[in-house]
PDB file of N, CA and C in Angstrom:
ATOM      1  N   MET A   1     -23.544   6.979 -33.255  1.00  0.00           N
ATOM      2  CA  MET A   1     -22.913   5.683 -33.395  1.00  0.00           C
ATOM      3  C   MET A   1     -21.499   5.821 -33.928  1.00  0.00           C
ATOM      4  N   GLY A   2     -21.250   6.855 -34.752  1.00  0.00           N
ATOM      5  CA  GLY A   2     -19.930   7.057 -35.339  1.00  0.00           C
ATOM      6  C   GLY A   2     -18.882   7.406 -34.294  1.00  0.00           C
ATOM      7  N   ARG A   3     -19.267   8.210 -33.295  1.00  0.00           N
ATOM      8  CA  ARG A   3     -18.331   8.563 -32.233  1.00  0.00           C
ATOM      9  C   ARG A   3     -17.988   7.345 -31.390  1.00  0.00           C
ATOM     10  N   TYR A   4     -18.947   6.498 -31.151  1.00  0.00           N
ATOM     11  CA  TYR A   4     -18.717   5.294 -30.359  1.00  0.00           C
ATOM     12  C   TYR A   4     -17.701   4.385 -31.046  1.00  0.00           C
ATOM     13  N   ILE A   5     -17.856   4.201 -32.365  1.00  0.00           N
ATOM     14  CA  ILE A   5     -16.924   3.364 -33.119  1.00  0.00           C
ATOM     15  C   ILE A   5     -15.533   3.989 -33.117  1.00  0.00           C
ATOM     16  N   GLN A   6     -15.453   5.312 -33.256  1.00  0.00           N
ATOM     17  CA  GLN A   6     -14.168   5.998 -33.227  1.00  0.00           C
ATOM     18  C   GLN A   6     -13.520   5.846 -31.844  1.00  0.00           C
ATOM     19  N   TYR A   7     -14.312   5.917 -30.807  1.00  0.00           N
ATOM     20  CA  TYR A   7     -13.810   5.740 -29.452  1.00  0.00           C
ATOM     21  C   TYR A   7     -13.242   4.330 -29.265  1.00  0.00           C
ATOM     22  N   ILE A   8     -13.964   3.326 -29.734  1.00  0.00           N
ATOM     23  CA  ILE A   8     -13.517   1.938 -29.615  1.00  0.00           C
ATOM     24  C   ILE A   8     -12.231   1.722 -30.411  1.00  0.00           C
ATOM     25  N   ARG A   9     -12.143   2.289 -31.609  1.00  0.00           N
ATOM     26  CA  ARG A   9     -10.928   2.156 -32.417  1.00  0.00           C
ATOM     27  C   ARG A   9      -9.734   2.806 -31.718  1.00  0.00           C
ATOM     28  N   SER A  10      -9.951   3.990 -31.161  1.00  0.00           N
ATOM     29  CA  SER A  10      -8.865   4.685 -30.462  1.00  0.00           C
ATOM     30  C   SER A  10      -8.416   3.894 -29.245  1.00  0.00           C
ATOM     31  N   LEU A  11      -9.368   3.382 -28.498  1.00  0.00           N
ATOM     32  CA  LEU A  11      -9.049   2.600 -27.320  1.00  0.00           C
ATOM     33  C   LEU A  11      -8.296   1.331 -27.701  1.00  0.00           C
ATOM     34  N   THR A  12      -8.709   0.683 -28.765  1.00  0.00           N
ATOM     35  CA  THR A  12      -8.033  -0.521 -29.242  1.00  0.00           C
ATOM     36  C   THR A  12      -6.604  -0.200 -29.662  1.00  0.00           C
ATOM     37  N   LEU A  13      -6.404   0.917 -30.339  1.00  0.00           N
ATOM     38  CA  LEU A  13      -5.075   1.317 -30.770  1.00  0.00           C
ATOM     39  C   LEU A  13      -4.168   1.573 -29.562  1.00  0.00           C
ATOM     40  N   VAL A  14      -4.684   2.233 -28.549  1.00  0.00           N
ATOM     41  CA  VAL A  14      -3.897   2.503 -27.349  1.00  0.00           C
ATOM     42  C   VAL A  14      -3.511   1.195 -26.664  1.00  0.00           C
ATOM     43  N   VAL A  15      -4.435   0.266 -26.556  1.00  0.00           N
ATOM     44  CA  VAL A  15      -4.153  -1.017 -25.913  1.00  0.00           C
ATOM     45  C   VAL A  15      -3.112  -1.796 -26.705  1.00  0.00           C
ATOM     46  N   VAL A  16      -3.210  -1.796 -28.023  1.00  0.00           N
ATOM     47  CA  VAL A  16      -2.243  -2.509 -28.861  1.00  0.00           C
ATOM     48  C   VAL A  16      -0.859  -1.887 -28.705  1.00  0.00           C
ATOM     49  N   ILE A  17      -0.764  -0.573 -28.675  1.00  0.00           N
ATOM     50  CA  ILE A  17       0.530   0.089 -28.511  1.00  0.00           C
ATOM     51  C   ILE A  17       1.133  -0.245 -27.151  1.00  0.00           C
ATOM     52  N   ILE A  18       0.306  -0.257 -26.120  1.00  0.00           N
ATOM     53  CA  ILE A  18       0.804  -0.597 -24.783  1.00  0.00           C
ATOM     54  C   ILE A  18       1.345  -2.024 -24.764  1.00  0.00           C
ATOM     55  N   PHE A  19       0.629  -2.960 -25.368  1.00  0.00           N
ATOM     56  CA  PHE A  19       1.096  -4.342 -25.396  1.00  0.00           C
ATOM     57  C   PHE A  19       2.361  -4.502 -26.229  1.00  0.00           C
ATOM     58  N   LEU A  20       2.501  -3.752 -27.301  1.00  0.00           N
ATOM     59  CA  LEU A  20       3.707  -3.827 -28.105  1.00  0.00           C
ATOM     60  C   LEU A  20       4.912  -3.283 -27.344  1.00  0.00           C
ATOM     61  N   ILE A  21       4.711  -2.201 -26.622  1.00  0.00           N
ATOM     62  CA  ILE A  21       5.802  -1.640 -25.830  1.00  0.00           C
ATOM     63  C   ILE A  21       6.171  -2.585 -24.697  1.00  0.00           C
ATOM     64  N   ALA A  22       5.173  -3.151 -24.047  1.00  0.00           N
ATOM     65  CA  ALA A  22       5.433  -4.041 -22.918  1.00  0.00           C
ATOM     66  C   ALA A  22       6.114  -5.326 -23.366  1.00  0.00           C
ATOM     67  N   SER A  23       5.782  -5.833 -24.518  1.00  0.00           N
ATOM     68  CA  SER A  23       6.391  -7.085 -24.961  1.00  0.00           C
ATOM     69  C   SER A  23       7.834  -6.881 -25.402  1.00  0.00           C
ATOM     70  N   ALA A  24       8.250  -5.645 -25.636  1.00  0.00           N
ATOM     71  CA  ALA A  24       9.624  -5.391 -26.046  1.00  0.00           C
ATOM     72  C   ALA A  24      10.590  -5.434 -24.875  1.00  0.00           C
ATOM     73  N   SER A  25      10.095  -5.408 -23.678  1.00  0.00           N
ATOM     74  CA  SER A  25      10.973  -5.452 -22.519  1.00  0.00           C
ATOM     75  C   SER A  25      11.435  -6.879 -22.267  1.00  0.00           C
ATOM     76  N   TRP A  26      12.577  -6.995 -21.591  1.00  0.00           N
ATOM     77  CA  TRP A  26      13.150  -8.300 -21.316  1.00  0.00           C
ATOM     78  C   TRP A  26      13.185  -8.533 -19.822  1.00  0.00           C
ATOM     79  N   ALA A  27      12.849  -9.718 -19.436  1.00  0.00           N
ATOM     80  CA  ALA A  27      12.929 -10.103 -18.033  1.00  0.00           C
ATOM     81  C   ALA A  27      14.244 -10.846 -17.801  1.00  0.00           C
ATOM     82  N   ASP A  28      14.706 -10.804 -16.554  1.00  0.00           N
ATOM     83  CA  ASP A  28      15.918 -11.555 -16.226  1.00  0.00           C
ATOM     84  C   ASP A  28      15.642 -13.047 -16.329  1.00  0.00           C
ATOM     85  N   GLU A  29      16.682 -13.771 -16.646  1.00  0.00           N
ATOM     86  CA  GLU A  29      16.533 -15.224 -16.687  1.00  0.00           C
ATOM     87  C   GLU A  29      16.333 -15.755 -15.281  1.00  0.00           C
ATOM     88  N   TYR A  30      15.574 -16.810 -15.183  1.00  0.00           N
ATOM     89  CA  TYR A  30      15.303 -17.426 -13.893  1.00  0.00           C
ATOM     90  C   TYR A  30      16.554 -18.153 -13.421  1.00  0.00           C
ATOM     91  N   ASP A  31      17.027 -17.794 -12.257  1.00  0.00           N
ATOM     92  CA  ASP A  31      18.232 -18.403 -11.700  1.00  0.00           C
ATOM     93  C   ASP A  31      17.828 -19.218 -10.478  1.00  0.00           C
ATOM     94  N   LEU A  32      18.005 -20.502 -10.553  1.00  0.00           N
ATOM     95  CA  LEU A  32      17.580 -21.396  -9.473  1.00  0.00           C
ATOM     96  C   LEU A  32      18.340 -21.125  -8.179  1.00  0.00           C
ATOM     97  N   ARG A  33      19.579 -20.630  -8.294  1.00  0.00           N
ATOM     98  CA  ARG A  33      20.373 -20.351  -7.084  1.00  0.00           C
ATOM     99  C   ARG A  33      19.815 -19.167  -6.303  1.00  0.00           C
ATOM    100  N   GLN A  34      19.142 -18.234  -6.980  1.00  0.00           N
ATOM    101  CA  GLN A  34      18.580 -17.073  -6.306  1.00  0.00           C
ATOM    102  C   GLN A  34      17.129 -17.283  -5.890  1.00  0.00           C
ATOM    103  N   ALA A  35      16.526 -18.336  -6.320  1.00  0.00           N
ATOM    104  CA  ALA A  35      15.121 -18.585  -6.004  1.00  0.00           C
ATOM    105  C   ALA A  35      14.992 -19.027  -4.554  1.00  0.00           C
ATOM    106  N   GLY A  36      13.910 -18.646  -3.935  1.00  0.00           N
ATOM    107  CA  GLY A  36      13.629 -19.098  -2.587  1.00  0.00           C
ATOM    108  C   GLY A  36      14.491 -18.437  -1.536  1.00  0.00           C
ATOM    109  N   GLN A  37      14.674 -17.119  -1.624  1.00  0.00           N
ATOM    110  CA  GLN A  37      15.453 -16.408  -0.635  1.00  0.00           C
ATOM    111  C   GLN A  37      14.797 -16.625   0.730  1.00  0.00           C
ATOM    112  N   PRO A  38      15.529 -17.153   1.734  1.00  0.00           N
ATOM    113  CA  PRO A  38      14.914 -17.599   2.985  1.00  0.00           C
ATOM    114  C   PRO A  38      14.191 -16.501   3.771  1.00  0.00           C
ATOM    115  N   TRP A  39      14.753 -15.298   3.827  1.00  0.00           N
ATOM    116  CA  TRP A  39      14.089 -14.241   4.603  1.00  0.00           C
ATOM    117  C   TRP A  39      12.773 -13.831   3.959  1.00  0.00           C
ATOM    118  N   ARG A  40      12.711 -13.852   2.644  1.00  0.00           N
ATOM    119  CA  ARG A  40      11.457 -13.497   1.966  1.00  0.00           C
ATOM    120  C   ARG A  40      10.396 -14.566   2.218  1.00  0.00           C
ATOM    121  N   ILE A  41      10.804 -15.819   2.228  1.00  0.00           N
ATOM    122  CA  ILE A  41       9.853 -16.906   2.505  1.00  0.00           C
ATOM    123  C   ILE A  41       9.313 -16.776   3.927  1.00  0.00           C
ATOM    124  N   ILE A  42      10.201 -16.489   4.884  1.00  0.00           N
ATOM    125  CA  ILE A  42       9.768 -16.319   6.278  1.00  0.00           C
ATOM    126  C   ILE A  42       8.844 -15.109   6.401  1.00  0.00           C
ATOM    127  N   ALA A  43       9.190 -14.005   5.751  1.00  0.00           N
ATOM    128  CA  ALA A  43       8.359 -12.804   5.822  1.00  0.00           C
ATOM    129  C   ALA A  43       6.981 -13.053   5.218  1.00  0.00           C
ATOM    130  N   ASN A  44       6.924 -13.755   4.104  1.00  0.00           N
ATOM    131  CA  ASN A  44       5.630 -14.047   3.486  1.00  0.00           C
ATOM    132  C   ASN A  44       4.794 -14.977   4.350  1.00  0.00           C
ATOM    133  N   ALA A  45       5.441 -15.870   5.078  1.00  0.00           N
ATOM    134  CA  ALA A  45       4.698 -16.780   5.942  1.00  0.00           C
ATOM    135  C   ALA A  45       4.172 -16.060   7.192  1.00  0.00           C
ATOM    136  N   LEU A  46       4.943 -15.096   7.712  1.00  0.00           N
ATOM    137  CA  LEU A  46       4.549 -14.417   8.946  1.00  0.00           C
ATOM    138  C   LEU A  46       3.657 -13.198   8.723  1.00  0.00           C
ATOM    139  N   ASN A  47       3.548 -12.717   7.516  1.00  0.00           N
ATOM    140  CA  ASN A  47       2.745 -11.533   7.246  1.00  0.00           C
ATOM    141  C   ASN A  47       1.285 -11.686   7.689  1.00  0.00           C
ATOM    142  N   PRO A  48       0.586 -12.775   7.371  1.00  0.00           N
ATOM    143  CA  PRO A  48      -0.803 -12.896   7.836  1.00  0.00           C
ATOM    144  C   PRO A  48      -0.926 -12.874   9.363  1.00  0.00           C
ATOM    145  N   LEU A  49       0.063 -13.429  10.036  1.00  0.00           N
ATOM    146  CA  LEU A  49       0.052 -13.396  11.499  1.00  0.00           C
ATOM    147  C   LEU A  49       0.181 -11.964  12.004  1.00  0.00           C
ATOM    148  N   GLY A  50       1.045 -11.182  11.401  1.00  0.00           N
ATOM    149  CA  GLY A  50       1.218  -9.791  11.798  1.00  0.00           C
ATOM    150  C   GLY A  50      -0.026  -8.959  11.554  1.00  0.00           C
ATOM    151  N   VAL A  51      -0.680  -9.174  10.423  1.00  0.00           N
ATOM    152  CA  VAL A  51      -1.908  -8.435  10.125  1.00  0.00           C
ATOM    153  C   VAL A  51      -3.008  -8.826  11.104  1.00  0.00           C
ATOM    154  N   THR A  52      -3.099 -10.113  11.419  1.00  0.00           N
ATOM    155  CA  THR A  52      -4.098 -10.579  12.381  1.00  0.00           C
ATOM    156  C   THR A  52      -3.858  -9.956  13.748  1.00  0.00           C
ATOM    157  N   LEU A  53      -2.604  -9.945  14.203  1.00  0.00           N
ATOM    158  CA  LEU A  53      -2.297  -9.325  15.492  1.00  0.00           C
ATOM    159  C   LEU A  53      -2.597  -7.830  15.480  1.00  0.00           C
ATOM    160  N   ASP A  54      -2.358  -7.182  14.359  1.00  0.00           N
ATOM    161  CA  ASP A  54      -2.658  -5.754  14.248  1.00  0.00           C
ATOM    162  C   ASP A  54      -4.144  -5.498  14.460  1.00  0.00           C
ATOM    163  N   TYR A  55      -4.994  -6.283  13.784  1.00  0.00           N
ATOM    164  CA  TYR A  55      -6.429  -6.049  13.869  1.00  0.00           C
ATOM    165  C   TYR A  55      -7.045  -6.557  15.173  1.00  0.00           C
ATOM    166  N   LEU A  56      -6.501  -7.619  15.750  1.00  0.00           N
ATOM    167  CA  LEU A  56      -7.106  -8.197  16.948  1.00  0.00           C
ATOM    168  C   LEU A  56      -6.515  -7.662  18.248  1.00  0.00           C
ATOM    169  N   VAL A  57      -5.281  -7.147  18.224  1.00  0.00           N
ATOM    170  CA  VAL A  57      -4.644  -6.691  19.465  1.00  0.00           C
ATOM    171  C   VAL A  57      -4.337  -5.196  19.418  1.00  0.00           C
ATOM    172  N   ALA A  58      -3.555  -4.771  18.452  1.00  0.00           N
ATOM    173  CA  ALA A  58      -3.038  -3.404  18.445  1.00  0.00           C
ATOM    174  C   ALA A  58      -4.139  -2.364  18.269  1.00  0.00           C
ATOM    175  N   ARG A  59      -5.041  -2.564  17.334  1.00  0.00           N
ATOM    176  CA  ARG A  59      -6.082  -1.560  17.088  1.00  0.00           C
ATOM    177  C   ARG A  59      -7.081  -1.450  18.234  1.00  0.00           C
ATOM    178  N   PRO A  60      -7.572  -2.578  18.792  1.00  0.00           N
ATOM    179  CA  PRO A  60      -8.444  -2.425  19.967  1.00  0.00           C
ATOM    180  C   PRO A  60      -7.724  -1.809  21.163  1.00  0.00           C
ATOM    181  N   LEU A  61      -6.445  -2.139  21.365  1.00  0.00           N
ATOM    182  CA  LEU A  61      -5.680  -1.556  22.455  1.00  0.00           C
ATOM    183  C   LEU A  61      -5.506  -0.055  22.237  1.00  0.00           C
ATOM    184  N   HIS A  62      -5.239   0.351  21.014  1.00  0.00           N
ATOM    185  CA  HIS A  62      -5.126   1.772  20.685  1.00  0.00           C
ATOM    186  C   HIS A  62      -6.437   2.486  20.959  1.00  0.00           C
ATOM    187  N   TRP A  63      -7.542   1.895  20.562  1.00  0.00           N
ATOM    188  CA  TRP A  63      -8.856   2.495  20.805  1.00  0.00           C
ATOM    189  C   TRP A  63      -9.105   2.626  22.297  1.00  0.00           C
ATOM    190  N   PHE A  64      -8.807   1.572  23.066  1.00  0.00           N
ATOM    191  CA  PHE A  64      -9.058   1.587  24.507  1.00  0.00           C
ATOM    192  C   PHE A  64      -8.209   2.649  25.204  1.00  0.00           C
ATOM    193  N   LEU A  65      -6.946   2.787  24.813  1.00  0.00           N
ATOM    194  CA  LEU A  65      -6.064   3.742  25.471  1.00  0.00           C
ATOM    195  C   LEU A  65      -6.393   5.194  25.135  1.00  0.00           C
ATOM    196  N   HIS A  66      -7.244   5.400  24.154  1.00  0.00           N
ATOM    197  CA  HIS A  66      -7.636   6.756  23.802  1.00  0.00           C
ATOM    198  C   HIS A  66      -9.019   7.115  24.333  1.00  0.00           C
ATOM    199  N   LEU A  67      -9.622   6.246  25.127  1.00  0.00           N
ATOM    200  CA  LEU A  67     -10.891   6.591  25.751  1.00  0.00           C
ATOM    201  C   LEU A  67     -10.677   7.705  26.767  1.00  0.00           C
ATOM    202  N   LYS A  68     -11.723   8.447  27.054  1.00  0.00           N
ATOM    203  CA  LYS A  68     -11.615   9.630  27.888  1.00  0.00           C
ATOM    204  C   LYS A  68     -11.030   9.351  29.278  1.00  0.00           C
ATOM    205  N   PRO A  69     -11.531   8.381  30.050  1.00  0.00           N
ATOM    206  CA  PRO A  69     -10.946   8.224  31.393  1.00  0.00           C
ATOM    207  C   PRO A  69      -9.526   7.656  31.368  1.00  0.00           C
ATOM    208  N   VAL A  70      -9.194   6.893  30.357  1.00  0.00           N
ATOM    209  CA  VAL A  70      -7.899   6.222  30.314  1.00  0.00           C
ATOM    210  C   VAL A  70      -6.813   7.134  29.754  1.00  0.00           C
ATOM    211  N   ASP A  71      -7.181   8.120  28.945  1.00  0.00           N
ATOM    212  CA  ASP A  71      -6.165   8.947  28.294  1.00  0.00           C
ATOM    213  C   ASP A  71      -5.353   9.770  29.282  1.00  0.00           C
ATOM    214  N   LYS A  72      -5.910  10.061  30.426  1.00  0.00           N
ATOM    215  CA  LYS A  72      -5.143  10.793  31.443  1.00  0.00           C
ATOM    216  C   LYS A  72      -4.052   9.903  32.034  1.00  0.00           C
ATOM    217  N   LEU A  73      -4.321   8.615  32.154  1.00  0.00           N
ATOM    218  CA  LEU A  73      -3.309   7.691  32.669  1.00  0.00           C
ATOM    219  C   LEU A  73      -2.190   7.444  31.656  1.00  0.00           C
ATOM    220  N   THR A  74      -2.549   7.422  30.395  1.00  0.00           N
ATOM    221  CA  THR A  74      -1.562   7.117  29.364  1.00  0.00           C
ATOM    222  C   THR A  74      -0.857   8.352  28.838  1.00  0.00           C
ATOM    223  N   GLY A  75      -1.356   9.542  29.176  1.00  0.00           N
ATOM    224  CA  GLY A  75      -0.727  10.775  28.722  1.00  0.00           C
ATOM    225  C   GLY A  75      -1.082  11.146  27.301  1.00  0.00           C
ATOM    226  N   HIS A  76      -2.179  10.638  26.817  1.00  0.00           N
ATOM    227  CA  HIS A  76      -2.594  10.927  25.451  1.00  0.00           C
ATOM    228  C   HIS A  76      -3.245  12.294  25.377  1.00  0.00           C
ATOM    229  N   SER A  77      -2.923  13.041  24.346  1.00  0.00           N
ATOM    230  CA  SER A  77      -3.613  14.304  24.105  1.00  0.00           C
ATOM    231  C   SER A  77      -4.438  14.149  22.834  1.00  0.00           C
ATOM    232  N   GLN A  78      -5.561  14.817  22.794  1.00  0.00           N
ATOM    233  CA  GLN A  78      -6.464  14.694  21.659  1.00  0.00           C
ATOM    234  C   GLN A  78      -5.819  15.246  20.398  1.00  0.00           C
ATOM    235  N   PHE A  79      -6.107  14.585  19.294  1.00  0.00           N
ATOM    236  CA  PHE A  79      -5.620  15.053  18.005  1.00  0.00           C
ATOM    237  C   PHE A  79      -6.412  16.278  17.605  1.00  0.00           C
ATOM    238  N   THR A  80      -5.768  17.218  16.984  1.00  0.00           N
ATOM    239  CA  THR A  80      -6.468  18.400  16.500  1.00  0.00           C
ATOM    240  C   THR A  80      -6.614  18.280  14.994  1.00  0.00           C
ATOM    241  N   GLU A  81      -7.729  18.750  14.516  1.00  0.00           N
ATOM    242  CA  GLU A  81      -7.990  18.699  13.071  1.00  0.00           C
ATOM    243  C   GLU A  81      -7.140  19.735  12.337  1.00  0.00           C
ATOM    244  N   LYS A  82      -7.004  20.902  12.966  1.00  0.00           N
ATOM    245  CA  LYS A  82      -6.296  21.993  12.305  1.00  0.00           C
ATOM    246  C   LYS A  82      -4.918  22.137  12.929  1.00  0.00           C
ATOM    247  N   LYS A  83      -3.906  21.913  12.125  1.00  0.00           N
ATOM    248  CA  LYS A  83      -2.544  22.075  12.600  1.00  0.00           C
ATOM    249  C   LYS A  83      -1.938  23.283  11.900  1.00  0.00           C
ATOM    250  N   GLU A  84      -1.351  24.114  12.699  1.00  0.00           N
ATOM    251  CA  GLU A  84      -0.728  25.306  12.137  1.00  0.00           C
ATOM    252  C   GLU A  84       0.792  25.097  12.139  1.00  0.00           C
ATOM    253  N   TYR A  85       1.367  25.174  10.983  1.00  0.00           N
ATOM    254  CA  TYR A  85       2.794  25.002  10.848  1.00  0.00           C
ATOM    255  C   TYR A  85       3.421  26.335  10.449  1.00  0.00           C
ATOM    256  N   VAL A  86       4.554  26.597  11.000  1.00  0.00           N
ATOM    257  CA  VAL A  86       5.279  27.805  10.640  1.00  0.00           C
ATOM    258  C   VAL A  86       6.453  27.371   9.778  1.00  0.00           C
ATOM    259  N   GLU A  87       6.458  27.854   8.564  1.00  0.00           N
ATOM    260  CA  GLU A  87       7.550  27.515   7.669  1.00  0.00           C
ATOM    261  C   GLU A  87       8.630  28.575   7.765  1.00  0.00           C
ATOM    262  N   THR A  88       9.833  28.145   7.859  1.00  0.00           N
ATOM    263  CA  THR A  88      10.947  29.070   7.924  1.00  0.00           C
ATOM    264  C   THR A  88      11.835  28.882   6.716  1.00  0.00           C
ATOM    265  N   MET A  89      12.630  29.865   6.453  1.00  0.00           N
ATOM    266  CA  MET A  89      13.523  29.824   5.307  1.00  0.00           C
ATOM    267  C   MET A  89      14.931  29.363   5.698  1.00  0.00           C
ATOM    268  N   TYR A  90      15.139  28.902   6.889  1.00  0.00           N
ATOM    269  CA  TYR A  90      16.475  28.549   7.367  1.00  0.00           C
ATOM    270  C   TYR A  90      16.859  27.174   6.915  1.00  0.00           C
TER     271      TYR A  90
END
């Protein structure tokens, strides 16, 4: 039981030190003129659409183009597990 209490005390001390260090930092003041940057708002709005298209279109298309009969048409070569690289000193 003594080790457990010592562990809890040490953990508490570490957490308190982290919070003291973190609270000493200063954040920039909020500037209303810089808030709402238009490209960031557009990017945040379009991100879910891009992820949806990735999972519903790009990944199934990638899987289909790597099937055995289709890979000859697309020019795909199989990935190898073992890649040998030659390092040079040049």
